[in-house]
Amino acid sequence: EGKIGARVIRGGSWSNRPVYLRMSYQKGFNADDRTTNIGF
């Protein structure tokens, strides 16, 4: 959403329900943070 610091993540993960795995779904996550279900 144009906010510096939060990058778009897409695709969902092993811990998510189907709604989050849709191609149109995106979410913001702080680019300085790390977690076991985000990669590149």
All heavy atoms as atom14 arrays in JSON, in Angstrom:
{
  "sequence": "EGKIGARVIRGGSWSNRPVYLRMSYQKGFNADDRTTNIGF",
  "atom14_mask": [
    [1, 1, 1, 1, 1, 1, 1, 1, 1, 0, 0, 0, 0, 0],
    [1, 1, 1, 1, 0, 0, 0, 0, 0, 0, 0, 0, 0, 0],
    [1, 1, 1, 1, 1, 1, 1, 1, 1, 0, 0, 0, 0, 0],
    [1, 1, 1, 1, 1, 1, 1, 1, 0, 0, 0, 0, 0, 0],
    [1, 1, 1, 1, 0, 0, 0, 0, 0, 0, 0, 0, 0, 0],
    [1, 1, 1, 1, 1, 0, 0, 0, 0, 0, 0, 0, 0, 0],
    [1, 1, 1, 1, 1, 1, 1, 1, 1, 1, 1, 0, 0, 0],
    [1, 1, 1, 1, 1, 1, 1, 0, 0, 0, 0, 0, 0, 0],
    [1, 1, 1, 1, 1, 1, 1, 1, 0, 0, 0, 0, 0, 0],
    [1, 1, 1, 1, 1, 1, 1, 1, 1, 1, 1, 0, 0, 0],
    [1, 1, 1, 1, 0, 0, 0, 0, 0, 0, 0, 0, 0, 0],
    [1, 1, 1, 1, 0, 0, 0, 0, 0, 0, 0, 0, 0, 0],
    [1, 1, 1, 1, 1, 1, 0, 0, 0, 0, 0, 0, 0, 0],
    [1, 1, 1, 1, 1, 1, 1, 1, 1, 1, 1, 1, 1, 1],
    [1, 1, 1, 1, 1, 1, 0, 0, 0, 0, 0, 0, 0, 0],
    [1, 1, 1, 1, 1, 1, 1, 1, 0, 0, 0, 0, 0, 0],
    [1, 1, 1, 1, 1, 1, 1, 1, 1, 1, 1, 0, 0, 0],
    [1, 1, 1, 1, 1, 1, 1, 0, 0, 0, 0, 0, 0, 0],
    [1, 1, 1, 1, 1, 1, 1, 0, 0, 0, 0, 0, 0, 0],
    [1, 1, 1, 1, 1, 1, 1, 1, 1, 1, 1, 1, 0, 0],
    [1, 1, 1, 1, 1, 1, 1, 1, 0, 0, 0, 0, 0, 0],
    [1, 1, 1, 1, 1, 1, 1, 1, 1, 1, 1, 0, 0, 0],
    [1, 1, 1, 1, 1, 1, 1, 1, 0, 0, 0, 0, 0, 0],
    [1, 1, 1, 1, 1, 1, 0, 0, 0, 0, 0, 0, 0, 0],
    [1, 1, 1, 1, 1, 1, 1, 1, 1, 1, 1, 1, 0, 0],
    [1, 1, 1, 1, 1, 1, 1, 1, 1, 0, 0, 0, 0, 0],
    [1, 1, 1, 1, 1, 1, 1, 1, 1, 0, 0, 0, 0, 0],
    [1, 1, 1, 1, 0, 0, 0, 0, 0, 0, 0, 0, 0, 0],
    [1, 1, 1, 1, 1, 1, 1, 1, 1, 1, 1, 0, 0, 0],
    [1, 1, 1, 1, 1, 1, 1, 1, 0, 0, 0, 0, 0, 0],
    [1, 1, 1, 1, 1, 0, 0, 0, 0, 0, 0, 0, 0, 0],
    [1, 1, 1, 1, 1, 1, 1, 1, 0, 0, 0, 0, 0, 0],
    [1, 1, 1, 1, 1, 1, 1, 1, 0, 0, 0, 0, 0, 0],
    [1, 1, 1, 1, 1, 1, 1, 1, 1, 1, 1, 0, 0, 0],
    [1, 1, 1, 1, 1, 1, 1, 0, 0, 0, 0, 0, 0, 0],
    [1, 1, 1, 1, 1, 1, 1, 0, 0, 0, 0, 0, 0, 0],
    [1, 1, 1, 1, 1, 1, 1, 1, 0, 0, 0, 0, 0, 0],
    [1, 1, 1, 1, 1, 1, 1, 1, 0, 0, 0, 0, 0, 0],
    [1, 1, 1, 1, 0, 0, 0, 0, 0, 0, 0, 0, 0, 0],
    [1, 1, 1, 1, 1, 1, 1, 1, 1, 1, 1, 0, 0, 0]
  ],
  "atom14_positions": [
    [[0.82, -1.21, 0.0], [0.0, 0.0, 0.0], [0.85, 1.26, 0.0], [0.49, 2.27, 0.6], [-0.98, -0.02, 1.17], [-1.97, -1.15, 1.09], [-2.97, -1.17, 2.24], [-2.82, -0.42, 3.22], [-3.92, -1.96, 2.14], [0.0, 0.0, 0.0], [0.0, 0.0, 0.0], [0.0, 0.0, 0.0], [0.0, 0.0, 0.0], [0.0, 0.0, 0.0]],
    [[2.01, 1.19, -0.66], [2.89, 2.35, -0.78], [3.62, 2.75, 0.49], [4.27, 3.78, 0.54], [0.0, 0.0, 0.0], [0.0, 0.0, 0.0], [0.0, 0.0, 0.0], [0.0, 0.0, 0.0], [0.0, 0.0, 0.0], [0.0, 0.0, 0.0], [0.0, 0.0, 0.0], [0.0, 0.0, 0.0], [0.0, 0.0, 0.0], [0.0, 0.0, 0.0]],
    [[3.52, 1.95, 1.54], [4.13, 2.28, 2.82], [5.57, 1.78, 2.87], [5.84, 0.6, 2.69], [3.34, 1.66, 3.97], [1.93, 2.17, 4.08], [1.18, 1.46, 5.17], [-0.26, 1.93, 5.18], [-1.09, 1.12, 6.06], [0.0, 0.0, 0.0], [0.0, 0.0, 0.0], [0.0, 0.0, 0.0], [0.0, 0.0, 0.0], [0.0, 0.0, 0.0]],
    [[6.49, 2.68, 3.12], [7.89, 2.3, 3.24], [8.05, 1.44, 4.5], [7.54, 1.76, 5.57], [8.8, 3.55, 3.34], [8.62, 4.44, 2.1], [10.25, 3.16, 3.53], [8.99, 3.77, 0.79], [0.0, 0.0, 0.0], [0.0, 0.0, 0.0], [0.0, 0.0, 0.0], [0.0, 0.0, 0.0], [0.0, 0.0, 0.0], [0.0, 0.0, 0.0]],
    [[8.74, 0.34, 4.36], [8.99, -0.56, 5.49], [8.21, -1.86, 5.42], [8.66, -2.87, 5.94], [0.0, 0.0, 0.0], [0.0, 0.0, 0.0], [0.0, 0.0, 0.0], [0.0, 0.0, 0.0], [0.0, 0.0, 0.0], [0.0, 0.0, 0.0], [0.0, 0.0, 0.0], [0.0, 0.0, 0.0], [0.0, 0.0, 0.0], [0.0, 0.0, 0.0]],
    [[7.04, -1.84, 4.79], [6.23, -3.06, 4.66], [6.21, -3.51, 3.21], [5.7, -2.82, 2.34], [4.8, -2.81, 5.15], [0.0, 0.0, 0.0], [0.0, 0.0, 0.0], [0.0, 0.0, 0.0], [0.0, 0.0, 0.0], [0.0, 0.0, 0.0], [0.0, 0.0, 0.0], [0.0, 0.0, 0.0], [0.0, 0.0, 0.0], [0.0, 0.0, 0.0]],
    [[6.79, -4.66, 2.95], [6.81, -5.22, 1.6], [5.62, -6.14, 1.38], [5.09, -6.74, 2.32], [8.08, -6.04, 1.38], [9.33, -5.23, 1.33], [9.64, -4.87, -0.09], [10.93, -4.19, -0.11], [11.28, -3.37, -1.06], [10.47, -3.12, -2.06], [12.45, -2.8, -1.04], [0.0, 0.0, 0.0], [0.0, 0.0, 0.0], [0.0, 0.0, 0.0]],
    [[5.23, -6.28, 0.13], [4.16, -7.21, -0.24], [4.69, -8.63, -0.14], [5.82, -8.91, -0.54], [3.67, -6.93, -1.67], [2.74, -8.04, -2.16], [2.99, -5.57, -1.76], [0.0, 0.0, 0.0], [0.0, 0.0, 0.0], [0.0, 0.0, 0.0], [0.0, 0.0, 0.0], [0.0, 0.0, 0.0], [0.0, 0.0, 0.0], [0.0, 0.0, 0.0]],
    [[3.88, -9.53, 0.41], [4.14, -10.96, 0.34], [2.92, -11.6, -0.31], [1.8, -11.12, -0.15], [4.46, -11.59, 1.72], [3.35, -11.33, 2.74], [5.8, -11.11, 2.23], [3.57, -12.05, 4.09], [0.0, 0.0, 0.0], [0.0, 0.0, 0.0], [0.0, 0.0, 0.0], [0.0, 0.0, 0.0], [0.0, 0.0, 0.0], [0.0, 0.0, 0.0]],
    [[3.14, -12.68, -1.05], [2.06, -13.34, -1.78], [2.21, -14.85, -1.71], [3.29, -15.36, -1.47], [2.09, -12.96, -3.26], [1.66, -11.56, -3.55], [1.61, -11.36, -5.07], [1.09, -10.08, -5.42], [-0.18, -9.81, -5.63], [-1.09, -10.75, -5.52], [-0.57, -8.6, -5.95], [0.0, 0.0, 0.0], [0.0, 0.0, 0.0], [0.0, 0.0, 0.0]],
    [[1.12, -15.54, -1.97], [1.14, -16.98, -2.14], [0.75, -17.82, -0.95], [0.5, -19.0, -1.08], [0.0, 0.0, 0.0], [0.0, 0.0, 0.0], [0.0, 0.0, 0.0], [0.0, 0.0, 0.0], [0.0, 0.0, 0.0], [0.0, 0.0, 0.0], [0.0, 0.0, 0.0], [0.0, 0.0, 0.0], [0.0, 0.0, 0.0], [0.0, 0.0, 0.0]],
    [[0.71, -17.24, 0.22], [0.38, -18.01, 1.42], [1.46, -19.02, 1.77], [2.48, -19.12, 1.1], [0.0, 0.0, 0.0], [0.0, 0.0, 0.0], [0.0, 0.0, 0.0], [0.0, 0.0, 0.0], [0.0, 0.0, 0.0], [0.0, 0.0, 0.0], [0.0, 0.0, 0.0], [0.0, 0.0, 0.0], [0.0, 0.0, 0.0], [0.0, 0.0, 0.0]],
    [[1.25, -19.77, 2.84], [2.27, -20.72, 3.29], [1.64, -22.01, 3.79], [0.43, -22.18, 3.77], [3.1, -20.09, 4.41], [2.41, -20.15, 5.64], [0.0, 0.0, 0.0], [0.0, 0.0, 0.0], [0.0, 0.0, 0.0], [0.0, 0.0, 0.0], [0.0, 0.0, 0.0], [0.0, 0.0, 0.0], [0.0, 0.0, 0.0], [0.0, 0.0, 0.0]],
    [[2.51, -22.87, 4.29], [2.09, -24.16, 4.84], [1.15, -24.01, 6.04], [0.43, -24.92, 6.38], [3.31, -24.98, 5.26], [4.24, -24.26, 6.19], [5.35, -23.53, 5.84], [4.14, -24.19, 7.61], [5.94, -23.01, 6.96], [5.22, -23.4, 8.07], [3.26, -24.72, 8.54], [5.44, -23.12, 9.41], [3.47, -24.43, 9.89], [4.55, -23.65, 10.3]],
    [[1.13, -22.83, 6.65], [0.29, -22.62, 7.83], [-1.02, -21.89, 7.53], [-1.77, -21.58, 8.44], [1.07, -21.84, 8.89], [1.38, -20.54, 8.42], [0.0, 0.0, 0.0], [0.0, 0.0, 0.0], [0.0, 0.0, 0.0], [0.0, 0.0, 0.0], [0.0, 0.0, 0.0], [0.0, 0.0, 0.0], [0.0, 0.0, 0.0], [0.0, 0.0, 0.0]],
    [[-1.31, -21.64, 6.25], [-2.48, -20.84, 5.89], [-3.61, -21.64, 5.27], [-3.41, -22.65, 4.63], [-2.09, -19.73, 4.91], [-1.17, -18.73, 5.53], [-0.07, -18.54, 5.04], [-1.58, -18.09, 6.61], [0.0, 0.0, 0.0], [0.0, 0.0, 0.0], [0.0, 0.0, 0.0], [0.0, 0.0, 0.0], [0.0, 0.0, 0.0], [0.0, 0.0, 0.0]],
    [[-4.82, -21.08, 5.43], [-6.03, -21.63, 4.81], [-6.09, -21.18, 3.34], [-5.41, -20.23, 2.96], [-7.26, -21.12, 5.55], [-7.43, -21.73, 6.93], [-8.7, -21.19, 7.59], [-9.2, -21.74, 8.8], [-8.56, -22.21, 9.85], [-7.29, -22.26, 9.85], [-9.16, -22.66, 10.92], [0.0, 0.0, 0.0], [0.0, 0.0, 0.0], [0.0, 0.0, 0.0]],
    [[-6.94, -21.82, 2.53], [-7.01, -21.54, 1.1], [-7.23, -20.09, 0.7], [-6.68, -19.64, -0.31], [-8.18, -22.41, 0.63], [-8.19, -23.55, 1.57], [-7.79, -22.97, 2.9], [0.0, 0.0, 0.0], [0.0, 0.0, 0.0], [0.0, 0.0, 0.0], [0.0, 0.0, 0.0], [0.0, 0.0, 0.0], [0.0, 0.0, 0.0], [0.0, 0.0, 0.0]],
    [[-8.0, -19.33, 1.46], [-8.26, -17.94, 1.08], [-6.96, -17.14, 0.93], [-6.85, -16.27, 0.07], [-9.23, -17.25, 2.08], [-8.61, -17.11, 3.45], [-9.7, -15.92, 1.55], [0.0, 0.0, 0.0], [0.0, 0.0, 0.0], [0.0, 0.0, 0.0], [0.0, 0.0, 0.0], [0.0, 0.0, 0.0], [0.0, 0.0, 0.0], [0.0, 0.0, 0.0]],
    [[-5.94, -17.45, 1.72], [-4.68, -16.74, 1.67], [-3.76, -17.22, 0.55], [-2.75, -16.6, 0.26], [-3.95, -16.85, 3.01], [-4.75, -16.29, 4.15], [-5.33, -17.13, 5.09], [-4.96, -14.92, 4.27], [-6.09, -16.62, 6.13], [-5.71, -14.4, 5.3], [-6.28, -15.26, 6.23], [-7.04, -14.75, 7.25], [0.0, 0.0, 0.0], [0.0, 0.0, 0.0]],
    [[-4.11, -18.33, -0.09], [-3.31, -18.89, -1.16], [-3.78, -18.45, -2.55], [-3.19, -18.81, -3.55], [-3.31, -20.42, -1.08], [-2.36, -21.05, -0.07], [-2.64, -20.64, 1.35], [-2.38, -22.55, -0.19], [0.0, 0.0, 0.0], [0.0, 0.0, 0.0], [0.0, 0.0, 0.0], [0.0, 0.0, 0.0], [0.0, 0.0, 0.0], [0.0, 0.0, 0.0]],
    [[-4.84, -17.67, -2.61], [-5.35, -17.18, -3.89], [-4.32, -16.26, -4.55], [-3.62, -15.51, -3.88], [-6.64, -16.4, -3.7], [-7.78, -17.23, -3.22], [-8.99, -16.37, -3.06], [-10.07, -17.13, -2.45], [-11.15, -16.57, -1.96], [-11.31, -15.27, -2.0], [-12.07, -17.33, -1.42], [0.0, 0.0, 0.0], [0.0, 0.0, 0.0], [0.0, 0.0, 0.0]],
    [[-4.28, -16.28, -5.86], [-3.32, -15.47, -6.6], [-3.55, -13.97, -6.39], [-2.61, -13.19, -6.45], [-3.39, -15.78, -8.1], [-3.0, -17.21, -8.44], [-1.25, -17.59, -8.15], [-1.22, -18.1, -6.45], [0.0, 0.0, 0.0], [0.0, 0.0, 0.0], [0.0, 0.0, 0.0], [0.0, 0.0, 0.0], [0.0, 0.0, 0.0], [0.0, 0.0, 0.0]],
    [[-4.76, -13.57, -6.14], [-5.08, -12.15, -5.95], [-4.78, -11.64, -4.55], [-4.76, -10.43, -4.32], [-6.55, -11.91, -6.28], [-7.37, -12.65, -5.39], [0.0, 0.0, 0.0], [0.0, 0.0, 0.0], [0.0, 0.0, 0.0], [0.0, 0.0, 0.0], [0.0, 0.0, 0.0], [0.0, 0.0, 0.0], [0.0, 0.0, 0.0], [0.0, 0.0, 0.0]],
    [[-4.56, -12.53, -3.59], [-4.37, -12.11, -2.2], [-2.94, -11.65, -1.96], [-1.98, -12.3, -2.36], [-4.7, -13.25, -1.24], [-4.73, -12.78, 0.19], [-5.88, -12.22, 0.72], [-3.61, -12.87, 1.0], [-5.91, -11.77, 2.04], [-3.63, -12.42, 2.31], [-4.78, -11.86, 2.82], [-4.8, -11.41, 4.11], [0.0, 0.0, 0.0], [0.0, 0.0, 0.0]],
    [[-2.81, -10.51, -1.32], [-1.5, -10.02, -0.9], [-1.6, -9.48, 0.51], [-2.66, -9.11, 0.97], [-0.96, -8.98, -1.85], [-1.74, -7.69, -1.86], [-1.1, -6.66, -2.77], [-0.12, -6.91, -3.45], [-1.68, -5.48, -2.8], [0.0, 0.0, 0.0], [0.0, 0.0, 0.0], [0.0, 0.0, 0.0], [0.0, 0.0, 0.0], [0.0, 0.0, 0.0]],
    [[-0.48, -9.42, 1.15], [-0.41, -9.0, 2.54], [0.86, -8.18, 2.71], [1.82, -8.34, 1.94], [-0.39, -10.27, 3.37], [-0.32, -10.14, 4.84], [-0.44, -11.55, 5.45], [-0.12, -11.49, 6.91], [-0.36, -12.76, 7.58], [0.0, 0.0, 0.0], [0.0, 0.0, 0.0], [0.0, 0.0, 0.0], [0.0, 0.0, 0.0], [0.0, 0.0, 0.0]],
    [[0.9, -7.32, 3.7], [2.11, -6.56, 3.99], [2.83, -7.14, 5.19], [2.21, -7.66, 6.12], [0.0, 0.0, 0.0], [0.0, 0.0, 0.0], [0.0, 0.0, 0.0], [0.0, 0.0, 0.0], [0.0, 0.0, 0.0], [0.0, 0.0, 0.0], [0.0, 0.0, 0.0], [0.0, 0.0, 0.0], [0.0, 0.0, 0.0], [0.0, 0.0, 0.0]],
    [[4.16, -7.1, 5.14], [4.96, -7.6, 6.24], [6.19, -6.72, 6.35], [6.79, -6.34, 5.34], [5.36, -9.06, 5.97], [5.81, -9.8, 7.2], [4.89, -10.33, 8.09], [7.16, -9.95, 7.47], [5.3, -11.01, 9.23], [7.58, -10.63, 8.6], [6.65, -11.15, 9.49], [0.0, 0.0, 0.0], [0.0, 0.0, 0.0], [0.0, 0.0, 0.0]],
    [[6.58, -6.41, 7.56], [7.73, -5.56, 7.79], [8.98, -6.21, 7.19], [9.33, -7.34, 7.52], [7.93, -5.32, 9.28], [9.02, -4.31, 9.57], [10.01, -4.21, 8.87], [8.83, -3.55, 10.63], [0.0, 0.0, 0.0], [0.0, 0.0, 0.0], [0.0, 0.0, 0.0], [0.0, 0.0, 0.0], [0.0, 0.0, 0.0], [0.0, 0.0, 0.0]],
    [[9.64, -5.5, 6.3], [10.8, -6.04, 5.58], [11.99, -6.36, 6.48], [12.89, -7.09, 6.08], [11.22, -5.06, 4.49], [0.0, 0.0, 0.0], [0.0, 0.0, 0.0], [0.0, 0.0, 0.0], [0.0, 0.0, 0.0], [0.0, 0.0, 0.0], [0.0, 0.0, 0.0], [0.0, 0.0, 0.0], [0.0, 0.0, 0.0], [0.0, 0.0, 0.0]],
    [[12.01, -5.84, 7.69], [13.1, -6.12, 8.63], [12.85, -7.36, 9.48], [13.74, -7.84, 10.16], [13.34, -4.93, 9.57], [13.91, -3.73, 8.83], [14.59, -3.93, 7.81], [13.64, -2.61, 9.28], [0.0, 0.0, 0.0], [0.0, 0.0, 0.0], [0.0, 0.0, 0.0], [0.0, 0.0, 0.0], [0.0, 0.0, 0.0], [0.0, 0.0, 0.0]],
    [[11.63, -7.88, 9.45], [11.28, -9.04, 10.27], [11.47, -10.35, 9.5], [11.47, -10.37, 8.28], [9.83, -8.94, 10.73], [9.62, -7.82, 11.72], [10.61, -7.35, 12.31], [8.46, -7.4, 11.9], [0.0, 0.0, 0.0], [0.0, 0.0, 0.0], [0.0, 0.0, 0.0], [0.0, 0.0, 0.0], [0.0, 0.0, 0.0], [0.0, 0.0, 0.0]],
    [[11.63, -11.43, 10.23], [11.78, -12.76, 9.64], [10.86, -13.73, 10.35], [10.54, -13.57, 11.52], [13.22, -13.27, 9.78], [14.26, -12.36, 9.15], [14.12, -12.32, 7.63], [15.06, -11.39, 7.04], [14.74, -10.18, 6.62], [13.52, -9.72, 6.75], [15.63, -9.4, 6.07], [0.0, 0.0, 0.0], [0.0, 0.0, 0.0], [0.0, 0.0, 0.0]],
    [[10.45, -14.77, 9.62], [9.61, -15.82, 10.18], [9.81, -17.1, 9.37], [10.35, -17.05, 8.27], [8.12, -15.39, 10.21], [7.35, -16.41, 10.83], [7.59, -15.1, 8.84], [0.0, 0.0, 0.0], [0.0, 0.0, 0.0], [0.0, 0.0, 0.0], [0.0, 0.0, 0.0], [0.0, 0.0, 0.0], [0.0, 0.0, 0.0], [0.0, 0.0, 0.0]],
    [[9.37, -18.22, 9.89], [9.61, -19.51, 9.23], [8.72, -19.76, 8.02], [8.92, -20.74, 7.32], [9.4, -20.67, 10.22], [8.06, -20.63, 10.71], [10.38, -20.6, 11.36], [0.0, 0.0, 0.0], [0.0, 0.0, 0.0], [0.0, 0.0, 0.0], [0.0, 0.0, 0.0], [0.0, 0.0, 0.0], [0.0, 0.0, 0.0], [0.0, 0.0, 0.0]],
    [[7.74, -18.9, 7.78], [6.86, -19.16, 6.65], [6.91, -18.09, 5.55], [6.0, -17.97, 4.76], [5.42, -19.39, 7.12], [4.81, -18.18, 7.77], [5.49, -17.22, 8.09], [3.5, -18.22, 7.97], [0.0, 0.0, 0.0], [0.0, 0.0, 0.0], [0.0, 0.0, 0.0], [0.0, 0.0, 0.0], [0.0, 0.0, 0.0], [0.0, 0.0, 0.0]],
    [[8.0, -17.32, 5.5], [8.22, -16.36, 4.42], [9.59, -16.63, 3.81], [10.57, -16.84, 4.52], [8.16, -14.89, 4.92], [6.8, -14.58, 5.52], [8.46, -13.93, 3.77], [6.69, -13.18, 6.1], [0.0, 0.0, 0.0], [0.0, 0.0, 0.0], [0.0, 0.0, 0.0], [0.0, 0.0, 0.0], [0.0, 0.0, 0.0], [0.0, 0.0, 0.0]],
    [[9.63, -16.62, 2.49], [10.89, -16.86, 1.78], [10.95, -16.03, 0.51], [10.2, -15.08, 0.33], [0.0, 0.0, 0.0], [0.0, 0.0, 0.0], [0.0, 0.0, 0.0], [0.0, 0.0, 0.0], [0.0, 0.0, 0.0], [0.0, 0.0, 0.0], [0.0, 0.0, 0.0], [0.0, 0.0, 0.0], [0.0, 0.0, 0.0], [0.0, 0.0, 0.0]],
    [[11.83, -16.41, -0.39], [11.93, -15.73, -1.67], [12.24, -16.75, -2.74], [12.67, -17.86, -2.47], [12.96, -14.59, -1.64], [14.34, -15.04, -1.27], [15.26, -15.38, -2.25], [14.73, -15.13, 0.07], [16.53, -15.8, -1.9], [16.01, -15.53, 0.41], [16.91, -15.87, -0.57], [0.0, 0.0, 0.0], [0.0, 0.0, 0.0], [0.0, 0.0, 0.0]]
  ]
}
